[in-house]
N, C-alpha and C. Protein backbone atom coordinates (compact mmCIF):
# COMPACT_ATOMS: atom_id res chain seq x y z
N UNK A 1 -1.48 -13.52 -0.46
CA UNK A 1 -0.43 -13.04 0.33
C UNK A 1 0.72 -13.79 0.18
N UNK A 2 1.77 -13.28 0.39
CA UNK A 2 3.13 -13.88 0.32
C UNK A 2 3.86 -13.99 1.68
N UNK A 3 4.59 -14.96 1.85
CA UNK A 3 5.30 -15.17 3.19
C UNK A 3 6.70 -14.52 2.96
N UNK A 4 7.22 -14.05 4.05
CA UNK A 4 8.47 -13.42 4.03
C UNK A 4 9.58 -14.53 4.28
N UNK A 5 10.59 -14.50 3.51
CA UNK A 5 11.82 -15.24 3.77
C UNK A 5 12.82 -14.44 4.51
N UNK A 6 13.28 -14.81 5.63
CA UNK A 6 14.12 -13.98 6.53
C UNK A 6 15.27 -14.71 6.98
N UNK A 7 16.25 -13.92 7.39
CA UNK A 7 17.35 -14.51 7.99
C UNK A 7 16.96 -15.16 9.32
N UNK A 8 17.67 -16.10 9.88
CA UNK A 8 17.19 -16.71 11.08
C UNK A 8 17.11 -15.69 12.20
N UNK A 9 15.94 -15.69 12.90
CA UNK A 9 15.67 -14.74 14.05
C UNK A 9 15.15 -13.48 13.49
N UNK A 10 15.09 -13.23 12.22
CA UNK A 10 14.50 -11.88 11.71
C UNK A 10 15.50 -10.75 11.93
N UNK A 11 15.00 -9.52 11.84
CA UNK A 11 15.83 -8.41 11.97
C UNK A 11 15.44 -7.58 13.17
N UNK A 12 16.35 -7.09 13.95
CA UNK A 12 16.17 -6.06 14.88
C UNK A 12 17.18 -5.10 14.74
N UNK A 13 17.03 -3.86 15.17
CA UNK A 13 17.97 -2.72 15.00
C UNK A 13 19.35 -3.11 15.68
N UNK A 14 19.35 -4.06 16.57
CA UNK A 14 20.63 -4.38 17.29
C UNK A 14 21.30 -5.59 16.58
N UNK A 15 20.88 -6.07 15.45
CA UNK A 15 21.55 -7.21 14.83
C UNK A 15 21.96 -6.83 13.42
N UNK A 16 22.83 -7.61 12.86
CA UNK A 16 23.27 -7.46 11.48
C UNK A 16 22.42 -8.17 10.51
N UNK A 17 21.35 -8.90 10.90
CA UNK A 17 20.56 -9.68 9.91
C UNK A 17 19.84 -8.81 9.05
N UNK A 18 19.52 -9.24 7.87
CA UNK A 18 18.66 -8.52 6.88
C UNK A 18 17.41 -9.33 6.46
N UNK A 19 16.27 -8.77 6.40
CA UNK A 19 15.09 -9.44 5.90
C UNK A 19 14.90 -9.12 4.44
N UNK A 20 14.84 -10.09 3.60
CA UNK A 20 14.43 -9.90 2.15
C UNK A 20 13.05 -10.31 1.90
N UNK A 21 12.29 -9.41 1.31
CA UNK A 21 10.95 -9.80 0.98
C UNK A 21 10.98 -10.46 -0.32
N UNK A 22 10.73 -11.72 -0.40
CA UNK A 22 10.81 -12.44 -1.58
C UNK A 22 9.46 -12.55 -2.31
N UNK A 23 9.24 -11.72 -3.24
CA UNK A 23 7.95 -11.77 -4.11
C UNK A 23 8.31 -11.76 -5.53
N UNK A 24 7.34 -12.22 -6.30
CA UNK A 24 7.55 -12.16 -7.75
C UNK A 24 6.95 -10.81 -8.24
N UNK A 25 7.34 -10.26 -9.34
CA UNK A 25 6.93 -8.97 -9.82
C UNK A 25 5.31 -9.06 -10.25
N UNK A 26 4.65 -7.86 -10.05
CA UNK A 26 3.20 -7.73 -10.34
C UNK A 26 3.03 -6.34 -10.86
N UNK A 27 1.92 -6.20 -11.54
CA UNK A 27 1.58 -4.80 -12.02
C UNK A 27 1.30 -3.91 -10.91
N UNK A 28 0.78 -4.39 -9.79
CA UNK A 28 0.31 -3.50 -8.69
C UNK A 28 1.13 -3.82 -7.45
N UNK A 29 1.67 -2.85 -6.69
CA UNK A 29 2.32 -2.97 -5.47
C UNK A 29 1.76 -1.99 -4.40
N UNK A 30 1.47 -2.51 -3.27
CA UNK A 30 0.98 -1.70 -2.12
C UNK A 30 1.86 -1.90 -0.95
N UNK A 31 2.43 -0.80 -0.50
CA UNK A 31 3.31 -0.85 0.66
C UNK A 31 2.72 -0.02 1.83
N UNK A 32 2.70 -0.72 2.98
CA UNK A 32 2.11 -0.08 4.13
C UNK A 32 2.77 -0.72 5.41
N UNK A 33 2.71 0.01 6.49
CA UNK A 33 3.21 -0.55 7.78
C UNK A 33 1.94 -1.08 8.59
N UNK A 34 0.71 -0.81 8.08
CA UNK A 34 -0.52 -1.16 8.80
C UNK A 34 -0.96 -2.61 8.57
N UNK A 35 -0.82 -3.50 9.54
CA UNK A 35 -1.27 -4.81 9.40
C UNK A 35 -2.79 -4.87 9.04
N UNK A 36 -3.57 -3.95 9.51
CA UNK A 36 -4.97 -3.93 9.20
C UNK A 36 -5.20 -3.78 7.69
N UNK A 37 -4.44 -2.87 7.13
CA UNK A 37 -4.54 -2.74 5.62
C UNK A 37 -4.08 -4.01 4.87
N UNK A 38 -3.07 -4.55 5.39
CA UNK A 38 -2.56 -5.84 4.67
C UNK A 38 -3.68 -6.92 4.81
N UNK A 39 -4.24 -7.03 5.96
CA UNK A 39 -5.25 -8.04 6.15
C UNK A 39 -6.46 -7.72 5.27
N UNK A 40 -6.84 -6.53 5.23
CA UNK A 40 -7.96 -6.10 4.44
C UNK A 40 -7.79 -6.48 2.93
N UNK A 41 -6.62 -6.16 2.46
CA UNK A 41 -6.27 -6.40 1.09
C UNK A 41 -6.23 -7.94 0.85
N UNK A 42 -5.91 -8.79 1.77
CA UNK A 42 -5.88 -10.26 1.69
C UNK A 42 -7.29 -10.78 1.64
N UNK A 43 -8.19 -10.14 2.27
CA UNK A 43 -9.60 -10.61 2.34
C UNK A 43 -10.44 -10.17 1.14
N UNK A 44 -10.04 -9.22 0.37
CA UNK A 44 -10.86 -8.72 -0.72
C UNK A 44 -11.08 -9.77 -1.74
N UNK A 45 -12.29 -9.84 -2.22
CA UNK A 45 -12.71 -10.69 -3.27
C UNK A 45 -12.53 -9.84 -4.57
N UNK A 46 -11.37 -9.96 -5.18
CA UNK A 46 -11.08 -9.28 -6.36
C UNK A 46 -11.74 -9.79 -7.66
N UNK A 47 -12.08 -8.95 -8.67
CA UNK A 47 -12.61 -9.52 -9.92
C UNK A 47 -11.62 -10.42 -10.55
N UNK A 48 -12.07 -11.32 -11.24
CA UNK A 48 -11.21 -12.34 -11.95
C UNK A 48 -10.12 -11.72 -12.76
N UNK A 49 -10.51 -10.67 -13.46
CA UNK A 49 -9.42 -10.09 -14.30
C UNK A 49 -8.55 -8.95 -13.62
N UNK A 50 -8.71 -8.89 -12.28
CA UNK A 50 -7.85 -7.80 -11.57
C UNK A 50 -6.46 -8.16 -11.72
N UNK A 51 -5.62 -7.18 -11.96
CA UNK A 51 -4.09 -7.43 -12.08
C UNK A 51 -3.54 -7.98 -10.81
N UNK A 52 -2.43 -8.72 -10.96
CA UNK A 52 -1.76 -9.29 -9.80
C UNK A 52 -1.34 -8.11 -8.80
N UNK A 53 -1.39 -8.40 -7.55
CA UNK A 53 -1.07 -7.42 -6.54
C UNK A 53 -0.11 -8.03 -5.55
N UNK A 54 0.92 -7.17 -5.30
CA UNK A 54 1.86 -7.55 -4.23
C UNK A 54 1.77 -6.55 -3.11
N UNK A 55 1.76 -7.07 -1.83
CA UNK A 55 1.59 -6.23 -0.72
C UNK A 55 2.76 -6.52 0.21
N UNK A 56 3.45 -5.44 0.75
CA UNK A 56 4.56 -5.65 1.59
C UNK A 56 4.46 -4.77 2.80
N UNK A 57 4.94 -5.20 3.91
CA UNK A 57 4.94 -4.38 5.12
C UNK A 57 6.29 -3.63 5.15
N UNK A 58 6.10 -2.28 5.31
CA UNK A 58 7.31 -1.46 5.34
C UNK A 58 8.21 -1.75 6.39
N UNK A 59 7.68 -2.37 7.56
CA UNK A 59 8.52 -2.80 8.62
C UNK A 59 9.63 -3.81 8.22
N UNK A 60 9.32 -4.55 7.09
CA UNK A 60 10.18 -5.54 6.60
C UNK A 60 11.15 -4.93 5.62
N UNK A 61 10.96 -3.69 5.26
CA UNK A 61 11.86 -2.94 4.30
C UNK A 61 12.46 -1.75 5.05
N UNK A 62 13.30 -2.03 6.00
CA UNK A 62 13.94 -1.00 6.84
C UNK A 62 15.33 -0.69 6.39
N UNK A 63 16.05 -1.73 5.89
CA UNK A 63 17.43 -1.57 5.65
C UNK A 63 17.67 -1.33 4.07
N UNK A 64 18.65 -0.58 3.78
CA UNK A 64 18.89 -0.21 2.38
C UNK A 64 19.01 -1.36 1.46
N UNK A 65 19.72 -2.43 1.88
CA UNK A 65 19.96 -3.57 1.10
C UNK A 65 18.57 -4.21 0.78
N UNK A 66 17.71 -4.34 1.80
CA UNK A 66 16.39 -4.98 1.62
C UNK A 66 15.59 -4.10 0.61
N UNK A 67 15.68 -2.78 0.76
CA UNK A 67 14.93 -1.81 -0.10
C UNK A 67 15.42 -1.97 -1.48
N UNK A 68 16.73 -1.99 -1.60
CA UNK A 68 17.27 -2.04 -3.01
C UNK A 68 16.89 -3.32 -3.76
N UNK A 69 16.99 -4.48 -2.99
CA UNK A 69 16.67 -5.77 -3.62
C UNK A 69 15.19 -5.86 -3.95
N UNK A 70 14.33 -5.42 -3.08
CA UNK A 70 12.89 -5.42 -3.33
C UNK A 70 12.64 -4.49 -4.54
N UNK A 71 13.32 -3.32 -4.60
CA UNK A 71 13.06 -2.46 -5.69
C UNK A 71 13.46 -3.04 -7.07
N UNK A 72 14.60 -3.76 -7.14
CA UNK A 72 15.03 -4.41 -8.33
C UNK A 72 14.12 -5.59 -8.75
N UNK A 73 13.80 -6.38 -7.67
CA UNK A 73 13.01 -7.62 -7.95
C UNK A 73 11.56 -7.41 -8.20
N UNK A 74 10.97 -6.39 -7.52
CA UNK A 74 9.47 -6.22 -7.69
C UNK A 74 9.12 -4.84 -8.21
N UNK A 75 9.54 -3.74 -7.60
CA UNK A 75 9.04 -2.49 -7.91
C UNK A 75 9.35 -2.10 -9.29
N UNK A 76 10.46 -2.44 -9.79
CA UNK A 76 10.89 -2.03 -11.04
C UNK A 76 9.94 -2.46 -12.17
N UNK A 77 9.16 -3.51 -11.94
CA UNK A 77 8.27 -4.11 -12.94
C UNK A 77 6.88 -3.71 -12.71
N UNK A 78 6.58 -2.91 -11.74
CA UNK A 78 5.13 -2.46 -11.42
C UNK A 78 4.69 -1.48 -12.32
N UNK A 79 3.43 -1.41 -12.58
CA UNK A 79 2.81 -0.32 -13.28
C UNK A 79 2.20 0.71 -12.41
N UNK A 80 1.89 0.27 -11.17
CA UNK A 80 1.30 1.21 -10.14
C UNK A 80 1.89 0.81 -8.71
N UNK A 81 2.35 1.85 -7.97
CA UNK A 81 2.78 1.62 -6.66
C UNK A 81 2.09 2.52 -5.77
N UNK A 82 1.51 2.02 -4.65
CA UNK A 82 0.88 2.79 -3.61
C UNK A 82 1.67 2.65 -2.33
N UNK A 83 2.01 3.76 -1.64
CA UNK A 83 2.70 3.77 -0.48
C UNK A 83 1.86 4.51 0.58
N UNK A 84 1.70 3.90 1.70
CA UNK A 84 1.03 4.55 2.86
C UNK A 84 2.00 4.70 4.04
N UNK A 85 2.38 5.92 4.37
CA UNK A 85 3.43 6.14 5.31
C UNK A 85 2.87 6.88 6.51
N UNK A 86 2.96 6.17 7.59
CA UNK A 86 2.44 6.75 8.98
C UNK A 86 3.71 7.40 9.60
N UNK A 87 3.66 8.66 9.83
CA UNK A 87 4.84 9.45 10.33
C UNK A 87 5.58 10.28 9.36
N UNK A 88 5.02 10.43 8.16
CA UNK A 88 5.56 11.31 7.24
C UNK A 88 6.84 10.78 6.50
N UNK A 89 7.49 11.64 5.69
CA UNK A 89 8.51 11.23 4.87
C UNK A 89 9.72 10.73 5.70
N UNK A 90 9.84 11.17 6.90
CA UNK A 90 10.94 10.79 7.84
C UNK A 90 10.87 9.31 8.17
N UNK A 91 9.65 8.72 8.09
CA UNK A 91 9.49 7.32 8.46
C UNK A 91 10.26 6.37 7.56
N UNK A 92 10.36 6.75 6.21
CA UNK A 92 10.93 5.80 5.27
C UNK A 92 11.61 6.61 4.20
N UNK A 93 12.60 7.50 4.54
CA UNK A 93 13.13 8.41 3.58
C UNK A 93 13.90 7.72 2.44
N UNK A 94 14.77 6.75 2.79
CA UNK A 94 15.53 6.12 1.71
C UNK A 94 14.59 5.35 0.74
N UNK A 95 13.67 4.56 1.28
CA UNK A 95 12.67 3.87 0.53
C UNK A 95 11.96 4.76 -0.47
N UNK A 96 11.50 5.85 0.13
CA UNK A 96 10.81 6.81 -0.68
C UNK A 96 11.54 7.35 -1.93
N UNK A 97 12.78 7.67 -1.63
CA UNK A 97 13.74 8.20 -2.66
C UNK A 97 13.93 7.11 -3.79
N UNK A 98 14.11 5.84 -3.36
CA UNK A 98 14.25 4.78 -4.31
C UNK A 98 12.99 4.59 -5.13
N UNK A 99 11.79 4.54 -4.46
CA UNK A 99 10.62 4.30 -5.21
C UNK A 99 10.35 5.46 -6.22
N UNK A 100 10.60 6.68 -5.80
CA UNK A 100 10.50 7.75 -6.77
C UNK A 100 11.34 7.78 -7.95
N UNK A 101 12.57 7.25 -7.78
CA UNK A 101 13.50 7.08 -8.83
C UNK A 101 13.05 6.02 -9.79
N UNK A 102 12.46 4.98 -9.22
CA UNK A 102 11.93 3.94 -10.13
C UNK A 102 10.83 4.32 -10.86
N UNK A 103 9.91 5.09 -10.18
CA UNK A 103 8.64 5.51 -10.94
C UNK A 103 9.07 6.52 -12.06
N UNK A 104 10.05 7.35 -11.82
CA UNK A 104 10.67 8.28 -12.77
C UNK A 104 11.18 7.54 -13.92
N UNK A 105 11.98 6.48 -13.70
CA UNK A 105 12.67 5.64 -14.74
C UNK A 105 11.70 4.77 -15.55
N UNK A 106 10.65 4.21 -14.88
CA UNK A 106 9.79 3.28 -15.53
C UNK A 106 8.41 3.84 -16.08
N UNK A 107 8.01 4.94 -15.51
CA UNK A 107 6.82 5.62 -15.80
C UNK A 107 5.63 5.03 -15.01
N UNK A 108 5.95 4.26 -13.99
CA UNK A 108 4.92 3.63 -13.12
C UNK A 108 4.20 4.76 -12.38
N UNK A 109 2.95 4.61 -12.22
CA UNK A 109 2.11 5.50 -11.43
C UNK A 109 2.44 5.41 -9.99
N UNK A 110 2.73 6.40 -9.33
CA UNK A 110 3.14 6.35 -7.88
C UNK A 110 2.20 7.27 -7.01
N UNK A 111 1.61 6.62 -6.00
CA UNK A 111 0.62 7.26 -5.20
C UNK A 111 1.25 7.12 -3.65
N UNK A 112 1.63 8.32 -3.21
CA UNK A 112 2.27 8.36 -1.82
C UNK A 112 1.17 9.04 -0.92
N UNK A 113 0.74 8.38 0.14
CA UNK A 113 -0.37 8.75 0.97
C UNK A 113 0.10 8.72 2.41
N UNK A 114 -0.47 9.55 3.29
CA UNK A 114 -0.20 9.41 4.67
C UNK A 114 -1.07 8.18 5.22
N UNK A 115 -0.46 7.60 6.22
CA UNK A 115 -1.14 6.42 6.72
C UNK A 115 -2.25 6.61 7.76
N UNK A 116 -2.63 7.91 7.90
CA UNK A 116 -3.83 8.12 8.80
C UNK A 116 -4.70 9.31 8.12
N UNK A 117 -5.53 9.83 8.88
CA UNK A 117 -6.45 10.84 8.21
C UNK A 117 -6.09 12.18 8.35
N UNK A 118 -4.86 12.57 8.64
CA UNK A 118 -4.36 13.82 8.61
C UNK A 118 -3.66 14.17 7.34
N UNK A 119 -4.04 15.32 6.71
CA UNK A 119 -3.49 15.64 5.42
C UNK A 119 -1.91 15.82 5.51
N UNK A 120 -1.21 15.39 4.51
CA UNK A 120 0.29 15.54 4.47
C UNK A 120 0.57 15.82 3.08
N UNK A 121 0.56 17.25 2.77
CA UNK A 121 0.85 17.70 1.45
C UNK A 121 2.28 17.33 0.97
N UNK A 122 3.14 17.28 1.88
CA UNK A 122 4.55 16.93 1.62
C UNK A 122 4.64 15.44 1.02
N UNK A 123 3.80 14.62 1.69
CA UNK A 123 3.92 13.20 1.17
C UNK A 123 3.17 13.09 -0.17
N UNK A 124 1.98 13.62 -0.29
CA UNK A 124 1.16 13.54 -1.55
C UNK A 124 1.92 14.13 -2.70
N UNK A 125 2.71 15.14 -2.39
CA UNK A 125 3.40 15.84 -3.49
C UNK A 125 4.48 14.82 -4.16
N UNK A 126 4.79 13.75 -3.59
CA UNK A 126 5.71 12.82 -4.18
C UNK A 126 5.04 11.88 -5.20
N UNK A 127 3.68 12.00 -5.24
CA UNK A 127 2.90 11.12 -6.13
C UNK A 127 3.09 11.68 -7.59
N UNK A 128 2.95 10.68 -8.42
CA UNK A 128 3.09 11.03 -9.93
C UNK A 128 1.65 11.26 -10.56
N UNK A 129 0.66 10.90 -9.78
CA UNK A 129 -0.72 11.03 -10.25
C UNK A 129 -1.27 12.34 -9.80
N UNK A 130 -2.29 12.91 -10.59
CA UNK A 130 -2.85 14.23 -10.08
C UNK A 130 -3.26 14.11 -8.53
N UNK A 131 -3.24 15.34 -8.02
CA UNK A 131 -3.66 15.46 -6.55
C UNK A 131 -5.07 15.01 -6.38
N UNK A 132 -5.94 15.26 -7.24
CA UNK A 132 -7.34 14.75 -7.11
C UNK A 132 -7.39 13.25 -7.07
N UNK A 133 -6.62 12.63 -7.80
CA UNK A 133 -6.54 11.15 -7.82
C UNK A 133 -5.98 10.52 -6.61
N UNK A 134 -4.90 11.15 -6.05
CA UNK A 134 -4.25 10.70 -4.78
C UNK A 134 -5.24 11.00 -3.70
N UNK A 135 -5.94 12.13 -3.62
CA UNK A 135 -6.87 12.48 -2.55
C UNK A 135 -8.03 11.38 -2.56
N UNK A 136 -8.49 11.07 -3.74
CA UNK A 136 -9.68 10.16 -3.75
C UNK A 136 -9.30 8.81 -3.30
N UNK A 137 -8.15 8.24 -3.62
CA UNK A 137 -7.70 7.03 -3.11
C UNK A 137 -7.57 7.08 -1.56
N UNK A 138 -6.95 8.16 -1.13
CA UNK A 138 -6.79 8.32 0.34
C UNK A 138 -8.10 8.31 1.05
N UNK A 139 -9.19 8.95 0.44
CA UNK A 139 -10.52 8.96 0.98
C UNK A 139 -11.00 7.51 1.17
N UNK A 140 -10.90 6.72 -0.02
CA UNK A 140 -11.36 5.28 0.14
C UNK A 140 -10.65 4.53 1.30
N UNK A 141 -9.30 4.70 1.35
CA UNK A 141 -8.56 4.04 2.34
C UNK A 141 -8.85 4.52 3.80
N UNK A 142 -9.14 5.80 3.98
CA UNK A 142 -9.47 6.30 5.27
C UNK A 142 -10.80 5.99 5.79
N UNK A 143 -11.79 5.76 4.83
CA UNK A 143 -13.07 5.32 5.29
C UNK A 143 -12.95 3.94 5.92
N UNK A 144 -12.07 3.13 5.38
CA UNK A 144 -11.84 1.84 6.00
C UNK A 144 -12.81 0.79 5.43
N UNK A 145 -12.66 -0.55 5.88
CA UNK A 145 -13.49 -1.50 5.47
C UNK A 145 -12.98 -2.26 4.27
N UNK A 146 -13.33 -3.44 4.13
CA UNK A 146 -12.76 -4.26 3.00
C UNK A 146 -13.44 -3.68 1.70
N UNK A 147 -14.70 -3.32 1.62
CA UNK A 147 -15.29 -2.82 0.45
C UNK A 147 -14.68 -1.52 -0.07
N UNK A 148 -14.38 -0.62 0.93
CA UNK A 148 -13.76 0.60 0.52
C UNK A 148 -12.36 0.38 -0.01
N UNK A 149 -11.60 -0.48 0.57
CA UNK A 149 -10.24 -0.86 0.15
C UNK A 149 -10.26 -1.42 -1.22
N UNK A 150 -11.29 -2.40 -1.40
CA UNK A 150 -11.47 -2.98 -2.74
C UNK A 150 -11.72 -1.87 -3.84
N UNK A 151 -12.73 -1.09 -3.44
CA UNK A 151 -13.16 -0.13 -4.47
C UNK A 151 -12.10 1.01 -4.64
N UNK A 152 -11.42 1.29 -3.73
CA UNK A 152 -10.24 2.28 -3.92
C UNK A 152 -9.19 1.75 -4.85
N UNK A 153 -8.86 0.49 -4.78
CA UNK A 153 -7.87 0.03 -5.61
C UNK A 153 -8.48 -0.20 -7.03
N UNK A 154 -9.75 -0.66 -7.18
CA UNK A 154 -10.36 -0.63 -8.46
C UNK A 154 -10.39 0.75 -9.08
N UNK A 155 -10.71 1.73 -8.24
CA UNK A 155 -10.84 3.08 -8.75
C UNK A 155 -9.54 3.60 -9.28
N UNK A 156 -8.48 3.37 -8.48
CA UNK A 156 -7.12 3.78 -8.92
C UNK A 156 -6.58 3.11 -10.11
N UNK A 157 -6.96 1.87 -10.26
CA UNK A 157 -6.56 1.04 -11.47
C UNK A 157 -7.29 1.64 -12.69
N UNK A 158 -8.49 2.09 -12.55
CA UNK A 158 -9.21 2.75 -13.65
C UNK A 158 -8.50 3.98 -14.11
N UNK A 159 -7.91 4.71 -13.18
CA UNK A 159 -7.18 5.97 -13.42
C UNK A 159 -5.63 5.80 -13.85
N UNK A 160 -5.08 4.78 -13.49
CA UNK A 160 -3.74 4.60 -13.77
C UNK A 160 -3.28 3.51 -14.85
N UNK A 161 -4.07 2.46 -14.86
CA UNK A 161 -3.64 1.39 -15.75
C UNK A 161 -4.85 1.09 -16.70
N UNK A 162 -5.71 2.00 -16.75
CA UNK A 162 -6.79 2.08 -17.79
C UNK A 162 -7.73 0.82 -17.74
N UNK A 163 -8.14 0.36 -16.61
CA UNK A 163 -9.15 -0.70 -16.46
C UNK A 163 -10.53 0.08 -16.54
N UNK A 164 -11.50 -0.72 -16.40
CA UNK A 164 -12.88 -0.12 -16.49
C UNK A 164 -13.82 -0.74 -15.44
N UNK A 165 -13.39 -0.76 -14.17
CA UNK A 165 -14.20 -1.28 -13.07
C UNK A 165 -15.40 -0.44 -12.69
N UNK A 166 -15.17 0.91 -12.72
CA UNK A 166 -16.12 1.86 -12.28
C UNK A 166 -16.76 1.54 -10.93
N UNK A 167 -16.01 1.59 -9.86
CA UNK A 167 -16.61 1.23 -8.49
C UNK A 167 -17.40 2.41 -7.96
N UNK A 168 -18.28 2.14 -6.94
CA UNK A 168 -19.04 3.17 -6.31
C UNK A 168 -18.13 4.07 -5.53
N UNK A 169 -18.75 5.30 -5.20
CA UNK A 169 -18.01 6.20 -4.27
C UNK A 169 -17.64 5.58 -2.90
N UNK A 170 -16.65 6.16 -2.24
CA UNK A 170 -16.27 5.62 -0.91
C UNK A 170 -17.45 5.74 -0.01
N UNK A 171 -17.64 4.72 0.84
CA UNK A 171 -18.81 4.62 1.67
C UNK A 171 -18.36 4.79 3.09
N UNK A 172 -18.97 5.88 3.80
CA UNK A 172 -18.54 5.98 5.25
C UNK A 172 -18.85 4.86 6.14
N UNK A 173 -17.98 4.58 6.95
CA UNK A 173 -18.20 3.44 7.99
C UNK A 173 -18.19 4.11 9.32
N UNK A 174 -19.19 3.74 10.17
CA UNK A 174 -19.21 4.42 11.43
C UNK A 174 -17.96 4.18 12.23
N UNK A 175 -17.57 5.22 13.01
CA UNK A 175 -16.37 5.13 13.72
C UNK A 175 -16.55 4.36 15.04
N UNK A 176 -17.75 4.44 15.51
CA UNK A 176 -18.19 3.60 16.73
C UNK A 176 -19.44 2.92 16.40
N UNK A 177 -19.80 1.89 17.18
CA UNK A 177 -20.97 1.17 16.97
C UNK A 177 -21.32 0.17 18.09
N UNK A 178 -22.43 -0.52 17.93
CA UNK A 178 -22.80 -1.54 18.92
C UNK A 178 -22.57 -2.86 18.26
N UNK A 179 -21.96 -3.71 18.94
CA UNK A 179 -21.87 -5.09 18.45
C UNK A 179 -22.56 -6.04 19.29
N UNK A 180 -23.62 -6.71 18.79
CA UNK A 180 -24.38 -7.70 19.62
C UNK A 180 -23.51 -9.00 19.69
N UNK A 181 -23.39 -9.44 20.90
CA UNK A 181 -22.68 -10.66 21.15
C UNK A 181 -23.56 -11.63 21.78
N UNK A 182 -24.00 -12.71 21.12
CA UNK A 182 -24.84 -13.64 21.68
C UNK A 182 -26.15 -13.04 22.28
N UNK A 183 -26.66 -12.12 21.54
CA UNK A 183 -27.91 -11.42 21.98
C UNK A 183 -27.64 -10.42 22.95
N UNK A 184 -26.48 -10.15 23.42
CA UNK A 184 -26.21 -9.07 24.38
C UNK A 184 -25.67 -7.80 23.67
N UNK A 185 -26.06 -6.72 24.11
CA UNK A 185 -25.61 -5.46 23.54
C UNK A 185 -24.48 -4.87 24.52
N UNK A 186 -23.40 -4.71 24.00
CA UNK A 186 -22.30 -4.22 24.82
C UNK A 186 -22.26 -2.66 24.75
């Protein structure tokens, strides 16, 4: 994971400060506003030969200057970009426009997915990969859990940058459960 370099005090809508996400380029970029996804990606035990991955929180990429800088410094060098947008296209319109232009210019595979389990054909239509490929990655991510996140990225790498990981199908994870705490059942 990478730490953010920010202006003093960070950015809020009421101030003029800008947050710049300072990362080096990598073949894979994953953009999401979900801290749980970022934490899951950080905990994955990747294969030794897995391409470098950069993960950024969309909340840190809200201003046009921050988006443009990140696009030039990181996204322009990526072979595959995954974006998970909660709230549809309206959540990050300028960023989506910039990323689509970069994918078009560079030939990078672009996967644009809703950040929840509700279908969003308008979002997925911005992807450059076939609909079946985008939907399968979406299924892995929606099932949740570190193994599904790992296998989803391994699977999409097999389809977009021609690796040969051949991960298993997405595995359902129970939506509710019992957690034993010190021998007690809650």
